[in-house]
N, C-alpha and C. Protein backbone atom coordinates (compact mmCIF):
# COMPACT_ATOMS: atom_id res chain seq x y z
N MET A 1 32.33 -26.55 3.97
CA MET A 1 31.35 -27.43 4.57
C MET A 1 29.95 -26.85 4.34
N ARG A 2 29.06 -27.66 3.86
CA ARG A 2 27.68 -27.24 3.58
C ARG A 2 26.86 -27.23 4.85
N HIS A 3 25.98 -26.21 4.93
CA HIS A 3 25.06 -26.14 6.06
C HIS A 3 23.71 -26.70 5.61
N ILE A 4 23.23 -27.69 6.31
CA ILE A 4 21.93 -28.28 5.99
C ILE A 4 20.91 -27.64 6.91
N LEU A 5 19.84 -27.11 6.32
CA LEU A 5 18.80 -26.44 7.09
C LEU A 5 18.01 -27.43 7.93
N SER A 6 17.75 -27.04 9.17
CA SER A 6 16.85 -27.85 9.99
C SER A 6 15.44 -27.59 9.49
N ILE A 7 14.49 -28.42 9.91
CA ILE A 7 13.10 -28.25 9.48
C ILE A 7 12.57 -26.90 9.93
N ASN A 8 12.94 -26.42 11.13
CA ASN A 8 12.49 -25.10 11.61
C ASN A 8 13.08 -23.97 10.77
N GLU A 9 14.37 -24.07 10.42
CA GLU A 9 14.98 -23.05 9.58
C GLU A 9 14.30 -23.02 8.21
N PHE A 10 14.04 -24.21 7.67
CA PHE A 10 13.39 -24.30 6.36
C PHE A 10 12.00 -23.66 6.39
N LEU A 11 11.23 -23.96 7.41
CA LEU A 11 9.87 -23.43 7.51
C LEU A 11 9.85 -21.93 7.76
N ASN A 12 10.90 -21.39 8.37
CA ASN A 12 10.95 -19.96 8.67
C ASN A 12 11.58 -19.14 7.55
N GLU A 13 12.11 -19.81 6.54
CA GLU A 13 12.68 -19.09 5.41
C GLU A 13 11.56 -18.46 4.59
N SER A 14 11.69 -17.18 4.27
CA SER A 14 10.69 -16.53 3.42
C SER A 14 11.31 -15.31 2.78
N LYS A 15 10.65 -14.81 1.79
CA LYS A 15 11.11 -13.62 1.08
C LYS A 15 11.07 -12.43 2.03
N GLN A 16 12.12 -11.64 2.05
CA GLN A 16 12.20 -10.46 2.90
C GLN A 16 11.82 -9.24 2.08
N VAL A 17 10.56 -8.83 2.15
CA VAL A 17 10.04 -7.72 1.36
C VAL A 17 10.08 -6.42 2.14
N GLY A 18 9.75 -6.49 3.42
CA GLY A 18 9.70 -5.29 4.24
C GLY A 18 8.33 -4.62 4.14
N VAL A 19 8.28 -3.35 4.47
CA VAL A 19 7.03 -2.60 4.48
C VAL A 19 6.68 -2.14 3.07
N LEU A 20 5.43 -2.35 2.68
CA LEU A 20 4.90 -1.83 1.43
C LEU A 20 3.77 -0.86 1.77
N TYR A 21 3.58 0.13 0.91
CA TYR A 21 2.57 1.15 1.16
C TYR A 21 1.54 1.18 0.04
N HIS A 22 0.31 1.45 0.43
CA HIS A 22 -0.77 1.63 -0.55
C HIS A 22 -1.47 2.94 -0.19
N PHE A 23 -1.48 3.88 -1.14
CA PHE A 23 -2.11 5.17 -0.94
C PHE A 23 -3.52 5.15 -1.52
N THR A 24 -4.48 5.69 -0.78
CA THR A 24 -5.87 5.65 -1.23
C THR A 24 -6.65 6.84 -0.68
N THR A 25 -7.83 7.01 -1.20
CA THR A 25 -8.74 8.08 -0.76
C THR A 25 -9.47 7.62 0.51
N PRO A 26 -10.11 8.56 1.22
CA PRO A 26 -10.92 8.15 2.37
C PRO A 26 -12.00 7.14 1.99
N ARG A 27 -12.63 7.35 0.85
CA ARG A 27 -13.67 6.41 0.39
C ARG A 27 -13.07 5.04 0.07
N GLY A 28 -11.89 5.04 -0.57
CA GLY A 28 -11.19 3.78 -0.86
C GLY A 28 -10.82 3.05 0.42
N LEU A 29 -10.34 3.79 1.42
CA LEU A 29 -9.99 3.19 2.71
C LEU A 29 -11.21 2.54 3.35
N ARG A 30 -12.34 3.24 3.30
CA ARG A 30 -13.57 2.70 3.87
C ARG A 30 -13.91 1.36 3.22
N GLY A 31 -13.86 1.29 1.88
CA GLY A 31 -14.17 0.05 1.18
C GLY A 31 -13.21 -1.07 1.51
N ILE A 32 -11.93 -0.76 1.58
CA ILE A 32 -10.91 -1.77 1.89
C ILE A 32 -11.15 -2.38 3.26
N LEU A 33 -11.37 -1.53 4.25
CA LEU A 33 -11.55 -2.04 5.62
C LEU A 33 -12.93 -2.65 5.84
N GLU A 34 -13.95 -2.07 5.22
CA GLU A 34 -15.31 -2.59 5.39
C GLU A 34 -15.46 -3.99 4.81
N TYR A 35 -14.89 -4.21 3.63
CA TYR A 35 -15.01 -5.52 2.97
C TYR A 35 -13.83 -6.45 3.28
N ASP A 36 -12.85 -5.92 4.02
CA ASP A 36 -11.66 -6.68 4.41
C ASP A 36 -10.94 -7.26 3.19
N GLU A 37 -10.85 -6.42 2.14
CA GLU A 37 -10.14 -6.85 0.93
C GLU A 37 -9.72 -5.63 0.12
N MET A 38 -8.72 -5.86 -0.72
CA MET A 38 -8.35 -4.90 -1.76
C MET A 38 -8.74 -5.55 -3.06
N ARG A 39 -9.31 -4.74 -3.93
CA ARG A 39 -9.83 -5.26 -5.19
C ARG A 39 -9.39 -4.32 -6.30
N SER A 40 -9.06 -4.88 -7.45
CA SER A 40 -8.63 -4.09 -8.61
C SER A 40 -9.31 -4.60 -9.87
N ALA A 41 -9.64 -3.68 -10.76
CA ALA A 41 -10.19 -4.07 -12.06
C ALA A 41 -9.10 -4.68 -12.94
N ASN A 42 -7.85 -4.40 -12.59
CA ASN A 42 -6.72 -4.97 -13.32
C ASN A 42 -6.43 -6.34 -12.74
N ASN A 43 -5.43 -6.99 -13.22
CA ASN A 43 -5.05 -8.29 -12.68
C ASN A 43 -3.95 -8.16 -11.64
N PHE A 44 -3.81 -6.95 -11.07
CA PHE A 44 -2.80 -6.73 -10.04
C PHE A 44 -3.24 -5.58 -9.14
N ILE A 45 -2.61 -5.50 -7.97
CA ILE A 45 -2.83 -4.41 -7.03
C ILE A 45 -1.48 -3.77 -6.76
N SER A 46 -1.42 -2.45 -6.89
CA SER A 46 -0.15 -1.74 -6.76
C SER A 46 0.17 -1.34 -5.33
N PHE A 47 1.41 -1.52 -4.98
CA PHE A 47 1.98 -1.05 -3.72
C PHE A 47 3.27 -0.32 -4.08
N THR A 48 3.80 0.42 -3.13
CA THR A 48 5.07 1.10 -3.37
C THR A 48 5.96 0.94 -2.15
N ARG A 49 7.25 1.05 -2.38
CA ARG A 49 8.22 1.08 -1.28
C ARG A 49 8.49 2.53 -0.87
N ASN A 50 8.01 3.47 -1.67
CA ASN A 50 8.20 4.89 -1.38
C ASN A 50 7.18 5.30 -0.31
N PHE A 51 7.66 5.63 0.87
CA PHE A 51 6.77 5.95 1.99
C PHE A 51 6.12 7.32 1.85
N ASN A 52 6.64 8.17 0.98
CA ASN A 52 6.20 9.55 0.95
C ASN A 52 5.72 9.96 -0.44
N LEU A 53 4.50 9.63 -0.77
CA LEU A 53 3.91 10.06 -2.03
C LEU A 53 2.83 11.12 -1.76
N GLU A 54 3.24 12.18 -1.08
CA GLU A 54 2.28 13.22 -0.71
C GLU A 54 1.63 13.87 -1.93
N GLN A 55 2.30 13.81 -3.09
CA GLN A 55 1.68 14.39 -4.29
C GLN A 55 0.39 13.68 -4.66
N TRP A 56 0.24 12.40 -4.25
CA TRP A 56 -1.01 11.68 -4.51
C TRP A 56 -2.15 12.26 -3.69
N ALA A 57 -1.82 12.82 -2.53
CA ALA A 57 -2.86 13.46 -1.70
C ALA A 57 -3.39 14.70 -2.40
N THR A 58 -2.50 15.51 -2.93
CA THR A 58 -2.94 16.76 -3.55
C THR A 58 -3.54 16.55 -4.94
N THR A 59 -3.03 15.58 -5.69
CA THR A 59 -3.54 15.41 -7.05
C THR A 59 -4.69 14.41 -7.17
N HIS A 60 -4.73 13.41 -6.28
CA HIS A 60 -5.75 12.36 -6.38
C HIS A 60 -6.60 12.22 -5.13
N GLY A 61 -6.37 13.04 -4.11
CA GLY A 61 -7.14 12.94 -2.87
C GLY A 61 -6.80 11.71 -2.05
N ALA A 62 -5.62 11.13 -2.27
CA ALA A 62 -5.19 9.93 -1.55
C ALA A 62 -4.52 10.34 -0.25
N TYR A 63 -5.32 10.77 0.72
CA TYR A 63 -4.82 11.24 2.01
C TYR A 63 -4.45 10.11 2.95
N CYS A 64 -4.79 8.89 2.58
CA CYS A 64 -4.63 7.74 3.46
C CYS A 64 -3.52 6.83 2.93
N ARG A 65 -2.61 6.46 3.83
CA ARG A 65 -1.54 5.52 3.46
C ARG A 65 -1.66 4.29 4.35
N ILE A 66 -1.83 3.15 3.70
CA ILE A 66 -1.90 1.88 4.43
C ILE A 66 -0.51 1.25 4.38
N SER A 67 0.07 1.01 5.54
CA SER A 67 1.38 0.33 5.63
C SER A 67 1.13 -1.16 5.81
N MET A 68 1.74 -1.93 4.94
CA MET A 68 1.48 -3.37 4.90
C MET A 68 2.74 -4.17 5.23
N ASP A 69 2.56 -5.33 5.80
CA ASP A 69 3.64 -6.27 6.06
C ASP A 69 3.90 -7.04 4.76
N GLY A 70 4.90 -6.57 4.01
CA GLY A 70 5.22 -7.17 2.72
C GLY A 70 5.70 -8.60 2.82
N ASP A 71 6.39 -8.94 3.92
CA ASP A 71 6.86 -10.31 4.11
C ASP A 71 5.67 -11.26 4.17
N LYS A 72 4.70 -10.89 4.99
CA LYS A 72 3.51 -11.73 5.17
C LYS A 72 2.70 -11.79 3.87
N LEU A 73 2.59 -10.66 3.19
CA LEU A 73 1.85 -10.59 1.93
C LEU A 73 2.51 -11.50 0.88
N SER A 74 3.84 -11.47 0.83
CA SER A 74 4.55 -12.27 -0.18
C SER A 74 4.51 -13.77 0.12
N SER A 75 4.16 -14.13 1.35
CA SER A 75 4.06 -15.56 1.64
C SER A 75 2.79 -16.16 1.06
N ARG A 76 1.82 -15.31 0.71
CA ARG A 76 0.57 -15.81 0.13
C ARG A 76 0.39 -15.40 -1.33
N TYR A 77 0.94 -14.25 -1.72
CA TYR A 77 0.74 -13.71 -3.06
C TYR A 77 2.08 -13.49 -3.75
N ARG A 78 2.05 -13.56 -5.08
CA ARG A 78 3.25 -13.32 -5.88
C ARG A 78 3.40 -11.83 -6.12
N LEU A 79 4.58 -11.28 -5.86
CA LEU A 79 4.88 -9.87 -6.09
C LEU A 79 5.84 -9.73 -7.26
N SER A 80 5.70 -8.60 -7.95
CA SER A 80 6.57 -8.34 -9.09
C SER A 80 6.91 -6.86 -9.12
N PRO A 81 8.17 -6.49 -9.38
CA PRO A 81 8.53 -5.07 -9.49
C PRO A 81 7.78 -4.41 -10.64
N TYR A 82 7.54 -3.11 -10.50
CA TYR A 82 6.71 -2.40 -11.46
C TYR A 82 7.11 -0.94 -11.47
N LEU A 83 7.20 -0.35 -12.65
CA LEU A 83 7.47 1.08 -12.77
C LEU A 83 6.27 1.73 -13.44
N TYR A 84 5.62 2.63 -12.73
CA TYR A 84 4.40 3.29 -13.22
C TYR A 84 4.67 4.01 -14.54
N ASP A 85 3.78 3.80 -15.50
CA ASP A 85 3.83 4.49 -16.78
C ASP A 85 2.41 4.92 -17.12
N PRO A 86 2.15 6.24 -17.17
CA PRO A 86 0.79 6.71 -17.45
C PRO A 86 0.22 6.19 -18.77
N ALA A 87 1.08 5.84 -19.70
CA ALA A 87 0.60 5.32 -20.99
C ALA A 87 -0.08 3.96 -20.81
N ASP A 88 0.33 3.23 -19.77
CA ASP A 88 -0.23 1.89 -19.52
C ASP A 88 -1.33 1.87 -18.47
N ASP A 89 -1.57 3.00 -17.82
CA ASP A 89 -2.52 3.04 -16.70
C ASP A 89 -3.92 3.36 -17.21
N GLU A 90 -4.79 2.34 -17.15
CA GLU A 90 -6.16 2.51 -17.62
C GLU A 90 -7.00 3.34 -16.65
N VAL A 91 -6.58 3.41 -15.38
CA VAL A 91 -7.38 4.07 -14.36
C VAL A 91 -7.12 5.57 -14.33
N SER A 92 -5.89 5.97 -14.10
CA SER A 92 -5.61 7.40 -13.94
C SER A 92 -4.56 7.91 -14.91
N GLY A 93 -4.20 7.11 -15.87
CA GLY A 93 -3.14 7.50 -16.79
C GLY A 93 -3.57 8.51 -17.83
N SER A 94 -2.60 9.25 -18.30
CA SER A 94 -2.86 10.27 -19.32
C SER A 94 -2.78 9.68 -20.73
N GLY A 95 -2.25 8.47 -20.82
CA GLY A 95 -2.05 7.87 -22.13
C GLY A 95 -0.74 8.30 -22.76
N GLU A 96 -0.07 9.26 -22.11
CA GLU A 96 1.19 9.79 -22.61
C GLU A 96 2.34 8.95 -22.07
N HIS A 97 3.18 8.42 -22.97
CA HIS A 97 4.32 7.64 -22.52
C HIS A 97 5.41 8.59 -22.04
N LEU A 98 5.95 8.28 -20.85
CA LEU A 98 7.04 9.08 -20.29
C LEU A 98 8.27 8.19 -20.13
N ASP A 99 9.43 8.72 -20.48
CA ASP A 99 10.65 7.95 -20.25
C ASP A 99 10.91 7.90 -18.74
N VAL A 100 11.80 7.03 -18.33
CA VAL A 100 12.06 6.78 -16.92
C VAL A 100 12.47 8.06 -16.20
N GLU A 101 13.34 8.85 -16.79
CA GLU A 101 13.82 10.08 -16.15
C GLU A 101 12.68 11.07 -15.93
N THR A 102 11.81 11.23 -16.90
CA THR A 102 10.67 12.14 -16.77
C THR A 102 9.70 11.62 -15.71
N ARG A 103 9.48 10.31 -15.68
CA ARG A 103 8.62 9.72 -14.65
C ARG A 103 9.15 10.00 -13.25
N ARG A 104 10.47 9.85 -13.10
CA ARG A 104 11.07 10.09 -11.77
C ARG A 104 10.91 11.54 -11.36
N LYS A 105 11.06 12.45 -12.31
CA LYS A 105 10.89 13.88 -11.99
C LYS A 105 9.45 14.17 -11.59
N LYS A 106 8.51 13.56 -12.29
CA LYS A 106 7.10 13.83 -12.05
C LYS A 106 6.55 13.08 -10.84
N TYR A 107 6.93 11.83 -10.64
CA TYR A 107 6.35 10.98 -9.60
C TYR A 107 7.33 10.65 -8.47
N GLY A 108 8.53 11.18 -8.54
CA GLY A 108 9.50 10.88 -7.50
C GLY A 108 10.16 9.54 -7.75
N ASP A 109 10.94 9.15 -6.79
CA ASP A 109 11.68 7.89 -6.92
C ASP A 109 10.78 6.74 -6.45
N GLU A 110 9.68 6.58 -7.15
CA GLU A 110 8.71 5.56 -6.76
C GLU A 110 9.21 4.18 -7.16
N ARG A 111 9.15 3.27 -6.21
CA ARG A 111 9.56 1.89 -6.42
C ARG A 111 8.33 1.03 -6.13
N GLU A 112 7.68 0.58 -7.15
CA GLU A 112 6.42 -0.13 -6.96
C GLU A 112 6.60 -1.64 -7.01
N GLU A 113 5.64 -2.27 -6.38
CA GLU A 113 5.49 -3.72 -6.43
C GLU A 113 4.04 -3.98 -6.82
N LYS A 114 3.84 -4.94 -7.69
CA LYS A 114 2.49 -5.38 -8.03
C LYS A 114 2.26 -6.71 -7.36
N VAL A 115 1.11 -6.82 -6.70
CA VAL A 115 0.68 -8.13 -6.22
C VAL A 115 -0.16 -8.69 -7.35
N LEU A 116 0.25 -9.82 -7.88
CA LEU A 116 -0.33 -10.35 -9.10
C LEU A 116 -1.62 -11.13 -8.84
N THR A 117 -2.63 -10.37 -8.42
CA THR A 117 -3.97 -10.90 -8.20
C THR A 117 -4.94 -9.73 -8.23
N PRO A 118 -6.17 -9.93 -8.67
CA PRO A 118 -7.13 -8.82 -8.65
C PRO A 118 -7.78 -8.60 -7.28
N ILE A 119 -7.61 -9.57 -6.35
CA ILE A 119 -8.23 -9.46 -5.02
C ILE A 119 -7.25 -9.97 -3.96
N ILE A 120 -7.08 -9.17 -2.91
CA ILE A 120 -6.37 -9.62 -1.71
C ILE A 120 -7.42 -9.65 -0.62
N ASP A 121 -7.72 -10.84 -0.13
CA ASP A 121 -8.75 -10.96 0.91
C ASP A 121 -8.11 -10.99 2.30
N LYS A 122 -8.95 -10.84 3.31
CA LYS A 122 -8.50 -10.81 4.71
C LYS A 122 -7.36 -9.80 4.88
N ILE A 123 -7.56 -8.61 4.35
CA ILE A 123 -6.51 -7.58 4.29
C ILE A 123 -6.05 -7.13 5.68
N HIS A 124 -6.94 -7.21 6.67
CA HIS A 124 -6.58 -6.77 8.02
C HIS A 124 -5.31 -7.44 8.55
N LYS A 125 -5.12 -8.71 8.20
CA LYS A 125 -3.97 -9.43 8.76
C LYS A 125 -2.63 -8.95 8.20
N TYR A 126 -2.65 -8.14 7.14
CA TYR A 126 -1.42 -7.62 6.55
C TYR A 126 -1.15 -6.17 6.95
N ILE A 127 -2.14 -5.50 7.53
CA ILE A 127 -2.02 -4.07 7.83
C ILE A 127 -1.20 -3.84 9.10
N ILE A 128 -0.18 -3.00 8.99
CA ILE A 128 0.61 -2.58 10.14
C ILE A 128 -0.06 -1.35 10.77
N GLN A 129 -0.37 -0.36 9.94
CA GLN A 129 -1.02 0.87 10.41
C GLN A 129 -1.57 1.64 9.23
N VAL A 130 -2.42 2.63 9.55
CA VAL A 130 -2.96 3.54 8.54
C VAL A 130 -2.60 4.95 8.97
N ASP A 131 -1.96 5.69 8.08
CA ASP A 131 -1.61 7.08 8.35
C ASP A 131 -2.49 7.98 7.49
N ILE A 132 -3.01 9.02 8.13
CA ILE A 132 -3.84 10.01 7.44
C ILE A 132 -3.07 11.32 7.47
N ILE A 133 -2.80 11.86 6.30
CA ILE A 133 -2.07 13.12 6.25
C ILE A 133 -3.02 14.28 6.51
N LYS A 134 -2.56 15.25 7.25
CA LYS A 134 -3.41 16.38 7.66
C LYS A 134 -3.41 17.46 6.57
N TYR A 135 -4.09 17.17 5.48
CA TYR A 135 -4.29 18.15 4.42
C TYR A 135 -5.71 18.69 4.55
N PRO A 136 -5.95 19.87 4.00
CA PRO A 136 -7.34 20.36 4.03
C PRO A 136 -8.23 19.42 3.20
N MET A 137 -9.10 18.71 3.89
CA MET A 137 -10.01 17.78 3.24
C MET A 137 -11.42 18.35 3.26
N LYS A 138 -12.23 17.84 2.38
CA LYS A 138 -13.65 18.19 2.40
C LYS A 138 -14.26 17.59 3.66
N SER A 139 -15.33 18.20 4.15
CA SER A 139 -15.94 17.71 5.39
C SER A 139 -16.44 16.28 5.26
N ASN A 140 -16.95 15.90 4.08
CA ASN A 140 -17.41 14.52 3.92
C ASN A 140 -16.24 13.53 3.97
N GLU A 141 -15.04 13.94 3.52
CA GLU A 141 -13.87 13.06 3.60
C GLU A 141 -13.45 12.87 5.06
N LYS A 142 -13.48 13.95 5.85
CA LYS A 142 -13.15 13.86 7.27
C LYS A 142 -14.15 12.97 7.99
N THR A 143 -15.42 13.11 7.64
CA THR A 143 -16.48 12.29 8.25
C THR A 143 -16.26 10.82 7.91
N THR A 144 -15.95 10.54 6.65
CA THR A 144 -15.70 9.16 6.22
C THR A 144 -14.56 8.54 7.02
N ILE A 145 -13.46 9.28 7.16
CA ILE A 145 -12.30 8.75 7.90
C ILE A 145 -12.68 8.49 9.35
N GLN A 146 -13.41 9.41 9.96
CA GLN A 146 -13.81 9.23 11.36
C GLN A 146 -14.69 7.99 11.53
N LYS A 147 -15.62 7.78 10.60
CA LYS A 147 -16.48 6.60 10.66
C LYS A 147 -15.68 5.31 10.49
N VAL A 148 -14.72 5.35 9.58
CA VAL A 148 -13.86 4.18 9.35
C VAL A 148 -13.05 3.87 10.61
N GLU A 149 -12.48 4.90 11.20
CA GLU A 149 -11.67 4.71 12.41
C GLU A 149 -12.54 4.15 13.54
N ASP A 150 -13.72 4.69 13.72
CA ASP A 150 -14.62 4.21 14.78
C ASP A 150 -15.04 2.75 14.56
N ALA A 151 -15.22 2.37 13.30
CA ALA A 151 -15.68 1.01 12.98
C ALA A 151 -14.56 -0.03 13.05
N HIS A 152 -13.30 0.43 13.10
CA HIS A 152 -12.17 -0.51 13.07
C HIS A 152 -11.17 -0.20 14.18
N PRO A 153 -11.55 -0.44 15.43
CA PRO A 153 -10.64 -0.15 16.54
C PRO A 153 -9.40 -1.05 16.54
N ASP A 154 -9.42 -2.14 15.77
CA ASP A 154 -8.30 -3.05 15.68
C ASP A 154 -7.17 -2.52 14.79
N VAL A 155 -7.45 -1.44 14.04
CA VAL A 155 -6.46 -0.86 13.13
C VAL A 155 -5.83 0.36 13.79
N ASN A 156 -4.51 0.45 13.71
CA ASN A 156 -3.78 1.58 14.29
C ASN A 156 -3.83 2.77 13.32
N PHE A 157 -4.58 3.82 13.67
CA PHE A 157 -4.68 5.03 12.86
C PHE A 157 -3.78 6.11 13.43
N ASN A 158 -3.08 6.84 12.55
CA ASN A 158 -2.23 7.96 12.96
C ASN A 158 -2.54 9.15 12.06
N TYR A 159 -2.61 10.34 12.66
CA TYR A 159 -2.79 11.57 11.89
C TYR A 159 -1.45 12.28 11.89
N VAL A 160 -0.91 12.53 10.68
CA VAL A 160 0.47 13.01 10.56
C VAL A 160 0.54 14.26 9.68
N GLU A 161 1.57 15.06 9.94
CA GLU A 161 1.85 16.24 9.11
C GLU A 161 2.51 15.81 7.80
N HIS A 162 3.42 14.84 7.91
CA HIS A 162 4.14 14.31 6.75
C HIS A 162 4.28 12.81 6.92
N PHE A 163 4.27 12.10 5.81
CA PHE A 163 4.47 10.66 5.87
C PHE A 163 5.93 10.37 6.19
N ARG A 164 6.14 9.44 7.09
CA ARG A 164 7.47 8.99 7.49
C ARG A 164 7.55 7.48 7.25
N PRO A 165 8.77 6.95 7.15
CA PRO A 165 8.87 5.49 6.98
C PRO A 165 8.35 4.76 8.20
N VAL A 166 7.83 3.58 7.97
CA VAL A 166 7.33 2.73 9.05
C VAL A 166 8.34 1.61 9.23
N LYS A 167 8.70 1.38 10.47
CA LYS A 167 9.64 0.27 10.75
C LYS A 167 8.90 -1.03 10.61
N HIS A 168 9.59 -2.00 10.07
CA HIS A 168 8.98 -3.31 9.87
C HIS A 168 8.89 -4.04 11.20
N VAL A 169 7.70 -4.45 11.52
CA VAL A 169 7.46 -5.24 12.73
C VAL A 169 6.63 -6.44 12.34
N LEU A 170 6.67 -7.46 13.15
CA LEU A 170 5.86 -8.63 12.87
C LEU A 170 4.41 -8.32 13.20
N VAL A 171 3.52 -8.65 12.29
CA VAL A 171 2.09 -8.47 12.51
C VAL A 171 1.53 -9.83 12.84
N THR A 172 0.84 -9.92 13.95
CA THR A 172 0.25 -11.20 14.32
C THR A 172 -1.19 -11.26 13.86
N ALA A 173 -1.61 -12.43 13.45
CA ALA A 173 -2.98 -12.60 12.93
C ALA A 173 -3.97 -12.73 14.04
């Protein structure tokens, strides 16, 4: 026997993405929250399902992790799986092609998603929380984070020793 969806069931059906993470620098975090958007020179914005990319903090100064509601994001934007390859990365890539096994050894078991747009606007409505890892930062980076936190009391900031997974919760607009 076939089940016919009611109008409420149909309207509530959506892609189940879960939590996505975006790692950035204190300066990048300031720009994202100040302008209420994420912007990329590419035609996509990268997110990951890997909650713990602490190596980005030490190698790229990405001490800030923004946890996003992937379900809500996918209801407005198209997402596509993506595997980072430095040969294809115009921003921080070495230009050296790495096979999948070497990439996993170097970058961990990163599972990325690309949002196929150069701009995500009204970013606040997708943010679950922002975690700041307690690494030795330059004083100007600490000052930047403090100013960002003070300017955005609506955002849940956490200072953590290590990144942990974030449970998926509904974010209300």
